[in-house]
Every structure is written in C-alpha cells, then in structure tokens.
PDB file of N, CA and C in Angstrom:
ATOM      1  N   UNK A   1     145.940 194.438  12.005  1.00  0.00           N
ATOM      2  CA  UNK A   1     144.964 194.171  13.069  1.00  0.00           C
ATOM      3  C   UNK A   1     144.218 192.874  12.786  1.00  0.00           C
ATOM      4  N   UNK A   2     144.115 192.012  13.764  1.00  0.00           N
ATOM      5  CA  UNK A   2     143.630 190.656  13.508  1.00  0.00           C
ATOM      6  C   UNK A   2     142.258 190.707  14.067  1.00  0.00           C
ATOM      7  N   UNK A   3     141.363 189.953  13.367  1.00  0.00           N
ATOM      8  CA  UNK A   3     139.860 189.786  13.814  1.00  0.00           C
ATOM      9  C   UNK A   3     139.808 188.629  14.747  1.00  0.00           C
ATOM     10  N   UNK A   4     138.935 188.715  15.772  1.00  0.00           N
ATOM     11  CA  UNK A   4     138.625 187.567  16.529  1.00  0.00           C
ATOM     12  C   UNK A   4     138.012 186.505  15.839  1.00  0.00           C
ATOM     13  N   UNK A   5     138.108 185.260  16.374  1.00  0.00           N
ATOM     14  CA  UNK A   5     137.583 184.115  15.753  1.00  0.00           C
ATOM     15  C   UNK A   5     136.154 184.267  15.290  1.00  0.00           C
ATOM     16  N   UNK A   6     135.307 184.832  16.209  1.00  0.00           N
ATOM     17  CA  UNK A   6     133.827 184.940  15.984  1.00  0.00           C
ATOM     18  C   UNK A   6     133.603 185.929  14.752  1.00  0.00           C
ATOM     19  N   UNK A   7     134.384 186.929  14.587  1.00  0.00           N
ATOM     20  CA  UNK A   7     134.201 187.807  13.529  1.00  0.00           C
ATOM     21  C   UNK A   7     134.650 187.261  12.189  1.00  0.00           C
ATOM     22  N   UNK A   8     135.621 186.463  12.146  1.00  0.00           N
ATOM     23  CA  UNK A   8     136.025 185.704  10.930  1.00  0.00           C
ATOM     24  C   UNK A   8     134.994 184.669  10.532  1.00  0.00           C
ATOM     25  N   UNK A   9     134.322 184.071  11.576  1.00  0.00           N
ATOM     26  CA  UNK A   9     133.418 182.941  11.261  1.00  0.00           C
ATOM     27  C   UNK A   9     131.969 183.462  11.171  1.00  0.00           C
ATOM     28  N   UNK A  10     131.703 184.636  10.734  1.00  0.00           N
ATOM     29  CA  UNK A  10     130.243 185.132  10.493  1.00  0.00           C
ATOM     30  C   UNK A  10     129.548 184.237   9.621  1.00  0.00           C
ATOM     31  N   UNK A  11     128.322 184.034   9.866  1.00  0.00           N
ATOM     32  CA  UNK A  11     127.477 183.063   9.122  1.00  0.00           C
ATOM     33  C   UNK A  11     126.306 183.877   8.488  1.00  0.00           C
ATOM     34  N   UNK A  12     125.752 183.250   7.514  1.00  0.00           N
ATOM     35  CA  UNK A  12     124.602 183.810   6.777  1.00  0.00           C
ATOM     36  C   UNK A  12     123.318 183.195   7.495  1.00  0.00           C
ATOM     37  N   UNK A  13     122.405 184.077   7.723  1.00  0.00           N
ATOM     38  CA  UNK A  13     121.137 183.721   8.321  1.00  0.00           C
ATOM     39  C   UNK A  13     119.989 184.414   7.541  1.00  0.00           C
ATOM     40  N   UNK A  14     119.344 183.747   6.671  1.00  0.00           N
ATOM     41  CA  UNK A  14     118.253 184.422   5.925  1.00  0.00           C
ATOM     42  C   UNK A  14     117.081 184.792   6.803  1.00  0.00           C
ATOM     43  N   UNK A  15     116.781 186.076   6.753  1.00  0.00           N
ATOM     44  CA  UNK A  15     115.752 186.561   7.510  1.00  0.00           C
ATOM     45  C   UNK A  15     114.622 187.043   6.643  1.00  0.00           C
ATOM     46  N   UNK A  16     113.423 186.479   6.793  1.00  0.00           N
ATOM     47  CA  UNK A  16     112.238 186.739   6.001  1.00  0.00           C
ATOM     48  C   UNK A  16     111.352 187.575   6.874  1.00  0.00           C
ATOM     49  N   UNK A  17     111.079 188.799   6.507  1.00  0.00           N
ATOM     50  CA  UNK A  17     110.198 189.640   7.103  1.00  0.00           C
ATOM     51  C   UNK A  17     108.754 189.454   6.563  1.00  0.00           C
ATOM     52  N   UNK A  18     107.824 189.186   7.422  1.00  0.00           N
ATOM     53  CA  UNK A  18     106.437 188.904   6.987  1.00  0.00           C
ATOM     54  C   UNK A  18     105.793 190.307   6.484  1.00  0.00           C
ATOM     55  N   UNK A  19     106.155 191.357   7.233  1.00  0.00           N
ATOM     56  CA  UNK A  19     105.478 192.542   6.944  1.00  0.00           C
ATOM     57  C   UNK A  19     106.380 193.449   6.036  1.00  0.00           C
ATOM     58  N   UNK A  20     105.928 193.831   4.895  1.00  0.00           N
ATOM     59  CA  UNK A  20     106.872 194.693   4.059  1.00  0.00           C
ATOM     60  C   UNK A  20     107.211 196.040   4.674  1.00  0.00           C
ATOM     61  N   UNK A  21     106.282 196.458   5.526  1.00  0.00           N
ATOM     62  CA  UNK A  21     106.472 197.820   6.256  1.00  0.00           C
ATOM     63  C   UNK A  21     107.798 197.702   7.115  1.00  0.00           C
ATOM     64  N   UNK A  22     107.981 196.557   7.702  1.00  0.00           N
ATOM     65  CA  UNK A  22     109.156 196.341   8.571  1.00  0.00           C
ATOM     66  C   UNK A  22     110.403 196.497   7.835  1.00  0.00           C
ATOM     67  N   UNK A  23     110.492 195.957   6.610  1.00  0.00           N
ATOM     68  CA  UNK A  23     111.651 196.136   5.760  1.00  0.00           C
ATOM     69  C   UNK A  23     111.884 197.575   5.408  1.00  0.00           C
ATOM     70  N   UNK A  24     110.769 198.305   5.085  1.00  0.00           N
ATOM     71  CA  UNK A  24     110.902 199.627   4.706  1.00  0.00           C
ATOM     72  C   UNK A  24     111.335 200.419   5.874  1.00  0.00           C
ATOM     73  N   UNK A  25     110.815 200.276   7.076  1.00  0.00           N
ATOM     74  CA  UNK A  25     111.250 201.027   8.271  1.00  0.00           C
ATOM     75  C   UNK A  25     112.710 200.703   8.474  1.00  0.00           C
ATOM     76  N   UNK A  26     113.104 199.512   8.361  1.00  0.00           N
ATOM     77  CA  UNK A  26     114.503 199.175   8.547  1.00  0.00           C
ATOM     78  C   UNK A  26     115.346 199.859   7.607  1.00  0.00           C
ATOM     79  N   UNK A  27     114.952 199.878   6.355  1.00  0.00           N
ATOM     80  CA  UNK A  27     115.805 200.632   5.338  1.00  0.00           C
ATOM     81  C   UNK A  27     115.864 202.016   5.657  1.00  0.00           C
ATOM     82  N   UNK A  28     114.753 202.697   6.025  1.00  0.00           N
ATOM     83  CA  UNK A  28     114.776 204.085   6.318  1.00  0.00           C
ATOM     84  C   UNK A  28     115.692 204.487   7.475  1.00  0.00           C
ATOM     85  N   UNK A  29     115.502 203.681   8.583  1.00  0.00           N
ATOM     86  CA  UNK A  29     116.341 203.911   9.775  1.00  0.00           C
ATOM     87  C   UNK A  29     117.757 203.651   9.503  1.00  0.00           C
ATOM     88  N   UNK A  30     118.114 202.658   8.744  1.00  0.00           N
ATOM     89  CA  UNK A  30     119.481 202.378   8.428  1.00  0.00           C
ATOM     90  C   UNK A  30     120.060 203.541   7.647  1.00  0.00           C
ATOM     91  N   UNK A  31     119.326 204.072   6.643  1.00  0.00           N
ATOM     92  CA  UNK A  31     119.840 205.250   5.881  1.00  0.00           C
ATOM     93  C   UNK A  31     120.030 206.406   6.731  1.00  0.00           C
ATOM     94  N   UNK A  32     119.044 206.595   7.766  1.00  0.00           N
ATOM     95  CA  UNK A  32     119.122 207.844   8.644  1.00  0.00           C
ATOM     96  C   UNK A  32     120.370 207.723   9.546  1.00  0.00           C
ATOM     97  N   UNK A  33     120.684 206.490   9.946  1.00  0.00           N
ATOM     98  CA  UNK A  33     121.712 206.243  10.893  1.00  0.00           C
ATOM     99  C   UNK A  33     123.160 205.983  10.141  1.00  0.00           C
ATOM    100  N   UNK A  34     122.994 205.953   8.854  1.00  0.00           N
ATOM    101  CA  UNK A  34     124.361 205.729   8.078  1.00  0.00           C
ATOM    102  C   UNK A  34     124.998 204.406   8.210  1.00  0.00           C
ATOM    103  N   UNK A  35     124.121 203.389   8.400  1.00  0.00           N
ATOM    104  CA  UNK A  35     124.701 201.970   8.491  1.00  0.00           C
ATOM    105  C   UNK A  35     123.874 201.033   7.521  1.00  0.00           C
ATOM    106  N   UNK A  36     124.290 199.770   7.561  1.00  0.00           N
ATOM    107  CA  UNK A  36     123.566 198.840   6.614  1.00  0.00           C
ATOM    108  C   UNK A  36     122.304 198.250   7.344  1.00  0.00           C
ATOM    109  N   UNK A  37     121.392 197.898   6.526  1.00  0.00           N
ATOM    110  CA  UNK A  37     120.194 197.286   7.149  1.00  0.00           C
ATOM    111  C   UNK A  37     120.642 196.012   7.870  1.00  0.00           C
ATOM    112  N   UNK A  38     121.548 195.285   7.426  1.00  0.00           N
ATOM    113  CA  UNK A  38     122.053 194.076   8.053  1.00  0.00           C
ATOM    114  C   UNK A  38     122.689 194.457   9.373  1.00  0.00           C
ATOM    115  N   UNK A  39     123.575 195.391   9.440  1.00  0.00           N
ATOM    116  CA  UNK A  39     124.130 195.797  10.765  1.00  0.00           C
ATOM    117  C   UNK A  39     123.118 196.225  11.741  1.00  0.00           C
ATOM    118  N   UNK A  40     122.195 197.066  11.246  1.00  0.00           N
ATOM    119  CA  UNK A  40     121.154 197.628  12.107  1.00  0.00           C
ATOM    120  C   UNK A  40     120.278 196.482  12.658  1.00  0.00           C
ATOM    121  N   UNK A  41     119.889 195.630  11.862  1.00  0.00           N
ATOM    122  CA  UNK A  41     119.139 194.470  12.252  1.00  0.00           C
ATOM    123  C   UNK A  41     119.853 193.583  13.297  1.00  0.00           C
ATOM    124  N   UNK A  42     121.092 193.346  13.000  1.00  0.00           N
ATOM    125  CA  UNK A  42     121.817 192.597  14.012  1.00  0.00           C
ATOM    126  C   UNK A  42     122.054 193.309  15.324  1.00  0.00           C
ATOM    127  N   UNK A  43     122.263 194.501  15.322  1.00  0.00           N
ATOM    128  CA  UNK A  43     122.408 195.329  16.555  1.00  0.00           C
ATOM    129  C   UNK A  43     121.125 195.312  17.337  1.00  0.00           C
ATOM    130  N   UNK A  44     120.012 195.443  16.690  1.00  0.00           N
ATOM    131  CA  UNK A  44     118.715 195.493  17.357  1.00  0.00           C
ATOM    132  C   UNK A  44     118.438 194.096  17.930  1.00  0.00           C
ATOM    133  N   UNK A  45     118.695 193.005  17.223  1.00  0.00           N
ATOM    134  CA  UNK A  45     118.360 191.721  17.696  1.00  0.00           C
ATOM    135  C   UNK A  45     119.322 191.395  18.943  1.00  0.00           C
ATOM    136  N   UNK A  46     120.614 191.811  18.785  1.00  0.00           N
ATOM    137  CA  UNK A  46     121.584 191.605  20.016  1.00  0.00           C
ATOM    138  C   UNK A  46     120.963 192.314  21.217  1.00  0.00           C
ATOM    139  N   UNK A  47     120.466 193.475  21.145  1.00  0.00           N
ATOM    140  CA  UNK A  47     119.998 194.227  22.219  1.00  0.00           C
ATOM    141  C   UNK A  47     118.670 193.646  22.754  1.00  0.00           C
ATOM    142  N   UNK A  48     117.777 193.250  21.865  1.00  0.00           N
ATOM    143  CA  UNK A  48     116.474 192.488  22.339  1.00  0.00           C
ATOM    144  C   UNK A  48     116.760 191.216  22.957  1.00  0.00           C
ATOM    145  N   UNK A  49     117.848 190.453  22.369  1.00  0.00           N
ATOM    146  CA  UNK A  49     118.191 189.122  23.075  1.00  0.00           C
ATOM    147  C   UNK A  49     118.740 189.408  24.448  1.00  0.00           C
ATOM    148  N   UNK A  50     119.595 190.496  24.590  1.00  0.00           N
ATOM    149  CA  UNK A  50     120.133 190.790  25.935  1.00  0.00           C
ATOM    150  C   UNK A  50     119.056 191.062  26.882  1.00  0.00           C
ATOM    151  N   UNK A  51     118.091 191.913  26.538  1.00  0.00           N
ATOM    152  CA  UNK A  51     116.976 192.272  27.353  1.00  0.00           C
ATOM    153  C   UNK A  51     116.134 191.066  27.753  1.00  0.00           C
ATOM    154  N   UNK A  52     115.822 190.216  26.863  1.00  0.00           N
ATOM    155  CA  UNK A  52     115.005 189.122  27.123  1.00  0.00           C
ATOM    156  C   UNK A  52     115.749 188.067  27.976  1.00  0.00           C
ATOM    157  N   UNK A  53     117.038 187.903  27.768  1.00  0.00           N
ATOM    158  CA  UNK A  53     117.915 187.027  28.535  1.00  0.00           C
ATOM    159  C   UNK A  53     117.832 187.480  30.025  1.00  0.00           C
ATOM    160  N   UNK A  54     117.994 188.798  30.226  1.00  0.00           N
ATOM    161  CA  UNK A  54     117.945 189.350  31.591  1.00  0.00           C
ATOM    162  C   UNK A  54     116.618 188.973  32.226  1.00  0.00           C
ATOM    163  N   UNK A  55     115.569 189.153  31.518  1.00  0.00           N
ATOM    164  CA  UNK A  55     114.231 188.795  32.049  1.00  0.00           C
ATOM    165  C   UNK A  55     114.126 187.441  32.402  1.00  0.00           C
ATOM    166  N   UNK A  56     114.525 186.586  31.473  1.00  0.00           N
ATOM    167  CA  UNK A  56     114.506 185.128  31.795  1.00  0.00           C
ATOM    168  C   UNK A  56     115.417 184.749  32.991  1.00  0.00           C
ATOM    169  N   UNK A  57     116.623 185.280  33.031  1.00  0.00           N
ATOM    170  CA  UNK A  57     117.466 184.989  34.130  1.00  0.00           C
ATOM    171  C   UNK A  57     116.901 185.359  35.441  1.00  0.00           C
ATOM    172  N   UNK A  58     116.188 186.521  35.462  1.00  0.00           N
ATOM    173  CA  UNK A  58     115.448 186.912  36.639  1.00  0.00           C
ATOM    174  C   UNK A  58     114.445 185.972  37.044  1.00  0.00           C
ATOM    175  N   UNK A  59     113.578 185.468  36.040  1.00  0.00           N
ATOM    176  CA  UNK A  59     112.538 184.488  36.384  1.00  0.00           C
ATOM    177  C   UNK A  59     113.118 183.191  36.903  1.00  0.00           C
ATOM    178  N   UNK A  60     114.240 182.716  36.410  1.00  0.00           N
ATOM    179  CA  UNK A  60     114.779 181.549  36.651  1.00  0.00           C
ATOM    180  C   UNK A  60     115.405 181.692  38.118  1.00  0.00           C
ATOM    181  N   UNK A  61     115.883 182.856  38.432  1.00  0.00           N
ATOM    182  CA  UNK A  61     116.445 183.015  39.863  1.00  0.00           C
ATOM    183  C   UNK A  61     115.322 183.021  40.890  1.00  0.00           C
ATOM    184  N   UNK A  62     114.263 183.580  40.489  1.00  0.00           N
ATOM    185  CA  UNK A  62     113.111 183.668  41.331  1.00  0.00           C
ATOM    186  C   UNK A  62     112.541 182.301  41.563  1.00  0.00           C
ATOM    187  N   UNK A  63     112.462 181.476  40.540  1.00  0.00           N
ATOM    188  CA  UNK A  63     112.054 180.001  40.598  1.00  0.00           C
ATOM    189  C   UNK A  63     112.988 179.253  41.511  1.00  0.00           C
ATOM    190  N   UNK A  64     114.285 179.466  41.368  1.00  0.00           N
ATOM    191  CA  UNK A  64     115.210 178.682  42.160  1.00  0.00           C
ATOM    192  C   UNK A  64     115.075 179.205  43.673  1.00  0.00           C
ATOM    193  N   UNK A  65     114.931 180.453  43.961  1.00  0.00           N
ATOM    194  CA  UNK A  65     114.804 180.943  45.210  1.00  0.00           C
ATOM    195  C   UNK A  65     113.500 180.268  45.900  1.00  0.00           C
ATOM    196  N   UNK A  66     112.455 180.162  45.162  1.00  0.00           N
ATOM    197  CA  UNK A  66     111.148 179.604  45.674  1.00  0.00           C
ATOM    198  C   UNK A  66     111.403 178.121  45.915  1.00  0.00           C
ATOM    199  N   UNK A  67     112.094 177.436  45.054  1.00  0.00           N
ATOM    200  CA  UNK A  67     112.300 175.945  45.181  1.00  0.00           C
ATOM    201  C   UNK A  67     113.252 175.758  46.444  1.00  0.00           C
ATOM    202  N   UNK A  68     114.239 176.570  46.600  1.00  0.00           N
ATOM    203  CA  UNK A  68     115.110 176.412  47.751  1.00  0.00           C
ATOM    204  C   UNK A  68     114.348 176.612  49.082  1.00  0.00           C
ATOM    205  N   UNK A  69     113.290 177.472  49.058  1.00  0.00           N
ATOM    206  CA  UNK A  69     112.552 177.605  50.279  1.00  0.00           C
ATOM    207  C   UNK A  69     111.563 176.574  50.496  1.00  0.00           C
ATOM    208  N   UNK A  70     111.428 175.609  49.603  1.00  0.00           N
ATOM    209  CA  UNK A  70     110.500 174.419  49.791  1.00  0.00           C
ATOM    210  C   UNK A  70     111.069 173.509  50.868  1.00  0.00           C
ATOM    211  N   UNK A  71     110.209 173.302  51.876  1.00  0.00           N
ATOM    212  CA  UNK A  71     110.660 172.417  52.976  1.00  0.00           C
ATOM    213  C   UNK A  71     110.200 170.922  52.772  1.00  0.00           C
ATOM    214  N   UNK A  72     110.694 170.081  53.532  1.00  0.00           N
ATOM    215  CA  UNK A  72     110.253 168.710  53.451  1.00  0.00           C
ATOM    216  C   UNK A  72     108.784 168.491  53.763  1.00  0.00           C
ATOM    217  N   UNK A  73     108.302 169.403  54.712  1.00  0.00           N
ATOM    218  CA  UNK A  73     106.903 169.415  55.042  1.00  0.00           C
ATOM    219  C   UNK A  73     106.065 169.878  53.941  1.00  0.00           C
ATOM    220  N   UNK A  74     106.587 170.920  53.125  1.00  0.00           N
ATOM    221  CA  UNK A  74     105.871 171.225  51.814  1.00  0.00           C
ATOM    222  C   UNK A  74     105.750 170.157  50.865  1.00  0.00           C
ATOM    223  N   UNK A  75     106.874 169.411  50.657  1.00  0.00           N
ATOM    224  CA  UNK A  75     106.916 168.385  49.760  1.00  0.00           C
ATOM    225  C   UNK A  75     105.870 167.305  50.177  1.00  0.00           C
ATOM    226  N   UNK A  76     105.844 166.884  51.480  1.00  0.00           N
ATOM    227  CA  UNK A  76     104.878 165.964  51.931  1.00  0.00           C
ATOM    228  C   UNK A  76     103.418 166.365  51.798  1.00  0.00           C
ATOM    229  N   UNK A  77     103.212 167.600  52.082  1.00  0.00           N
ATOM    230  CA  UNK A  77     101.864 168.148  51.932  1.00  0.00           C
ATOM    231  C   UNK A  77     101.381 168.052  50.400  1.00  0.00           C
ATOM    232  N   UNK A  78     102.262 168.362  49.568  1.00  0.00           N
ATOM    233  CA  UNK A  78     101.990 168.437  48.126  1.00  0.00           C
ATOM    234  C   UNK A  78     101.783 166.851  47.611  1.00  0.00           C
ATOM    235  N   UNK A  79     102.544 166.051  48.086  1.00  0.00           N
ATOM    236  CA  UNK A  79     102.392 164.645  47.721  1.00  0.00           C
ATOM    237  C   UNK A  79     101.067 164.028  48.254  1.00  0.00           C
ATOM    238  N   UNK A  80     100.688 164.508  49.501  1.00  0.00           N
ATOM    239  CA  UNK A  80      99.530 164.080  50.196  1.00  0.00           C
ATOM    240  C   UNK A  80      98.251 164.506  49.320  1.00  0.00           C
ATOM    241  N   UNK A  81      98.376 165.739  48.938  1.00  0.00           N
ATOM    242  CA  UNK A  81      97.264 166.366  48.179  1.00  0.00           C
ATOM    243  C   UNK A  81      97.134 165.743  46.802  1.00  0.00           C
ATOM    244  N   UNK A  82      98.314 165.445  46.150  1.00  0.00           N
ATOM    245  CA  UNK A  82      98.224 164.867  44.896  1.00  0.00           C
ATOM    246  C   UNK A  82      97.670 163.419  45.039  1.00  0.00           C
ATOM    247  N   UNK A  83      98.116 162.589  46.059  1.00  0.00           N
ATOM    248  CA  UNK A  83      97.554 161.314  46.240  1.00  0.00           C
ATOM    249  C   UNK A  83      96.054 161.290  46.475  1.00  0.00           C
ATOM    250  N   UNK A  84      95.663 162.212  47.227  1.00  0.00           N
ATOM    251  CA  UNK A  84      94.242 162.383  47.570  1.00  0.00           C
ATOM    252  C   UNK A  84      93.386 162.671  46.225  1.00  0.00           C
ATOM    253  N   UNK A  85      93.888 163.619  45.472  1.00  0.00           N
ATOM    254  CA  UNK A  85      93.180 163.939  44.246  1.00  0.00           C
ATOM    255  C   UNK A  85      93.238 162.686  43.249  1.00  0.00           C
ATOM    256  N   UNK A  86      94.213 161.988  43.211  1.00  0.00           N
ATOM    257  CA  UNK A  86      94.331 160.755  42.314  1.00  0.00           C
ATOM    258  C   UNK A  86      93.355 159.743  42.766  1.00  0.00           C
ATOM    259  N   UNK A  87      93.064 159.701  44.038  1.00  0.00           N
ATOM    260  CA  UNK A  87      92.063 158.662  44.494  1.00  0.00           C
ATOM    261  C   UNK A  87      90.671 159.002  44.189  1.00  0.00           C
ATOM    262  N   UNK A  88      90.430 160.247  43.798  1.00  0.00           N
ATOM    263  CA  UNK A  88      89.055 160.623  43.442  1.00  0.00           C
ATOM    264  C   UNK A  88      88.639 160.065  42.121  1.00  0.00           C
ATOM    265  N   UNK A  89      87.344 159.857  41.895  1.00  0.00           N
ATOM    266  CA  UNK A  89      86.944 159.425  40.632  1.00  0.00           C
ATOM    267  C   UNK A  89      87.221 160.639  39.544  1.00  0.00           C
ATOM    268  N   UNK A  90      87.483 160.239  38.435  1.00  0.00           N
ATOM    269  CA  UNK A  90      87.581 161.200  37.305  1.00  0.00           C
ATOM    270  C   UNK A  90      86.225 161.880  37.009  1.00  0.00           C
ATOM    271  N   UNK A  91      86.346 163.294  36.884  1.00  0.00           N
ATOM    272  CA  UNK A  91      85.112 164.032  36.662  1.00  0.00           C
ATOM    273  C   UNK A  91      84.608 163.809  35.185  1.00  0.00           C
ATOM    274  N   UNK A  92      85.441 163.327  34.384  1.00  0.00           N
ATOM    275  CA  UNK A  92      85.032 163.152  33.016  1.00  0.00           C
ATOM    276  C   UNK A  92      85.341 161.795  32.531  1.00  0.00           C
ATOM    277  N   UNK A  93      84.356 161.123  31.874  1.00  0.00           N
ATOM    278  CA  UNK A  93      84.509 159.793  31.348  1.00  0.00           C
ATOM    279  C   UNK A  93      84.646 159.849  29.893  1.00  0.00           C
ATOM    280  N   UNK A  94      85.654 159.210  29.328  1.00  0.00           N
ATOM    281  CA  UNK A  94      85.764 159.132  27.852  1.00  0.00           C
ATOM    282  C   UNK A  94      84.877 158.097  27.198  1.00  0.00           C
ATOM    283  N   UNK A  95      84.315 158.319  26.146  1.00  0.00           N
ATOM    284  CA  UNK A  95      83.561 157.330  25.439  1.00  0.00           C
ATOM    285  C   UNK A  95      83.674 157.400  23.958  1.00  0.00           C
ATOM    286  N   UNK A  96      83.595 156.355  23.307  1.00  0.00           N
ATOM    287  CA  UNK A  96      83.728 156.389  21.876  1.00  0.00           C
ATOM    288  C   UNK A  96      82.443 156.654  21.157  1.00  0.00           C
ATOM    289  N   UNK A  97      82.353 157.535  20.218  1.00  0.00           N
ATOM    290  CA  UNK A  97      81.254 157.976  19.536  1.00  0.00           C
ATOM    291  C   UNK A  97      81.570 157.853  18.041  1.00  0.00           C
ATOM    292  N   UNK A  98      80.496 157.601  17.262  1.00  0.00           N
ATOM    293  CA  UNK A  98      80.644 157.442  15.797  1.00  0.00           C
ATOM    294  C   UNK A  98      80.357 158.841  15.293  1.00  0.00           C
ATOM    295  N   UNK A  99      81.242 159.297  14.442  1.00  0.00           N
ATOM    296  CA  UNK A  99      80.968 160.660  13.800  1.00  0.00           C
ATOM    297  C   UNK A  99      79.846 160.637  12.927  1.00  0.00           C
ATOM    298  N   UNK A 100      78.985 161.761  12.840  1.00  0.00           N
ATOM    299  CA  UNK A 100      77.867 161.926  12.063  1.00  0.00           C
ATOM    300  C   UNK A 100      78.383 161.973  10.618  1.00  0.00           C
ATOM    301  N   UNK A 101      79.400 162.711  10.345  1.00  0.00           N
ATOM    302  CA  UNK A 101      79.946 162.801   8.963  1.00  0.00           C
ATOM    303  C   UNK A 101      81.575 162.829   9.138  1.00  0.00           C
ATOM    304  N   UNK A 102      82.222 162.416   8.072  1.00  0.00           N
ATOM    305  CA  UNK A 102      83.664 162.418   8.099  1.00  0.00           C
ATOM    306  C   UNK A 102      84.106 163.192   6.898  1.00  0.00           C
ATOM    307  N   UNK A 103      83.717 164.374   6.699  1.00  0.00           N
ATOM    308  CA  UNK A 103      84.008 165.271   5.482  1.00  0.00           C
ATOM    309  C   UNK A 103      85.469 165.281   5.118  1.00  0.00           C
ATOM    310  N   UNK A 104      86.301 165.253   6.064  1.00  0.00           N
ATOM    311  CA  UNK A 104      87.683 165.487   5.804  1.00  0.00           C
ATOM    312  C   UNK A 104      88.579 164.134   5.886  1.00  0.00           C
ATOM    313  N   UNK A 105      87.915 163.004   6.295  1.00  0.00           N
ATOM    314  CA  UNK A 105      88.563 161.818   6.370  1.00  0.00           C
ATOM    315  C   UNK A 105      89.379 161.529   7.649  1.00  0.00           C
ATOM    316  N   UNK A 106      89.114 162.408   8.697  1.00  0.00           N
ATOM    317  CA  UNK A 106      89.941 162.307   9.897  1.00  0.00           C
ATOM    318  C   UNK A 106      89.630 160.937  10.607  1.00  0.00           C
ATOM    319  N   UNK A 107      88.348 160.641  10.820  1.00  0.00           N
ATOM    320  CA  UNK A 107      88.021 159.392  11.543  1.00  0.00           C
ATOM    321  C   UNK A 107      88.579 158.239  10.690  1.00  0.00           C
ATOM    322  N   UNK A 108      88.401 158.206   9.367  1.00  0.00           N
ATOM    323  CA  UNK A 108      88.855 157.147   8.514  1.00  0.00           C
ATOM    324  C   UNK A 108      90.442 157.103   8.678  1.00  0.00           C
ATOM    325  N   UNK A 109      91.177 158.191   8.848  1.00  0.00           N
ATOM    326  CA  UNK A 109      92.584 158.075   8.933  1.00  0.00           C
ATOM    327  C   UNK A 109      92.983 157.445  10.192  1.00  0.00           C
ATOM    328  N   UNK A 110      92.135 157.511  11.240  1.00  0.00           N
ATOM    329  CA  UNK A 110      92.527 156.770  12.475  1.00  0.00           C
ATOM    330  C   UNK A 110      91.800 155.408  12.678  1.00  0.00           C
ATOM    331  N   UNK A 111      91.150 155.006  11.595  1.00  0.00           N
ATOM    332  CA  UNK A 111      90.599 153.668  11.642  1.00  0.00           C
ATOM    333  C   UNK A 111      89.231 153.649  12.386  1.00  0.00           C
ATOM    334  N   UNK A 112      88.569 154.782  12.724  1.00  0.00           N
ATOM    335  CA  UNK A 112      87.338 154.859  13.437  1.00  0.00           C
ATOM    336  C   UNK A 112      86.111 154.436  12.612  1.00  0.00           C
ATOM    337  N   UNK A 113      86.192 154.499  11.326  1.00  0.00           N
ATOM    338  CA  UNK A 113      85.154 154.184  10.379  1.00  0.00           C
ATOM    339  C   UNK A 113      85.288 152.791   9.837  1.00  0.00           C
ATOM    340  N   UNK A 114      84.271 151.988   9.887  1.00  0.00           N
ATOM    341  CA  UNK A 114      84.357 150.597   9.332  1.00  0.00           C
ATOM    342  C   UNK A 114      83.746 150.413   8.083  1.00  0.00           C
TER     343      UNK A 114
END
C-alpha cells in the first residue's frame, strides 16, 4: 500500500502550550480515546480550521454579494460624501509639546530632546 505524497511529506511543527492544564487535558483525552496526543491535537486543529474556514467563506461571500449590489449611484454618493468630509477643517490640530520628563528615553530616541 503506497502513501500519498502529503502523508510521506509530514513536517514537524513545534507546538508550545502556554497553559500546562491544556497539555494535561490533551494527554488525558488522548489516553481515553486510545490515540496519541499528536494525532488528537492534529485532528482537533483540522476540525477547527474547517469550521473557521467555513465561517470566513460565508463572510467573504456576503461581502461579495453586497459589493455586487453596489450601483454607480452608490459609488458617486460615497465619493461625494468623502469629498465633502475632506473639505471640512480637521477637528483636531497636532502640535509639538516638550515632554515634562523622559524617564524611558523615548523622546530622546526620536530626537525630540535637545
């Protein structure tokens, strides 16, 4: 029996679990199911990726549907609104201030301190 190319080309992917309890839960469940921790983790990741991919595909399809419904009049209204907003004065004006303290050297790093 020959293995497919993907099975022959398996790769190592180091997985560091931040929570020690996660590793212990994985170990216990793998023992209960009679499989390796590695196989169980891979199976669970594959299922989660499939679910998330379906959700993302649905969101992208909805976005595409909405974009296809956009008319030339919608585009022109959006551009007019954008141009009008750009013509307004900015509500916030930037100004340079000298820091009271530069305890961590941030201002000095950007050349703000003379």
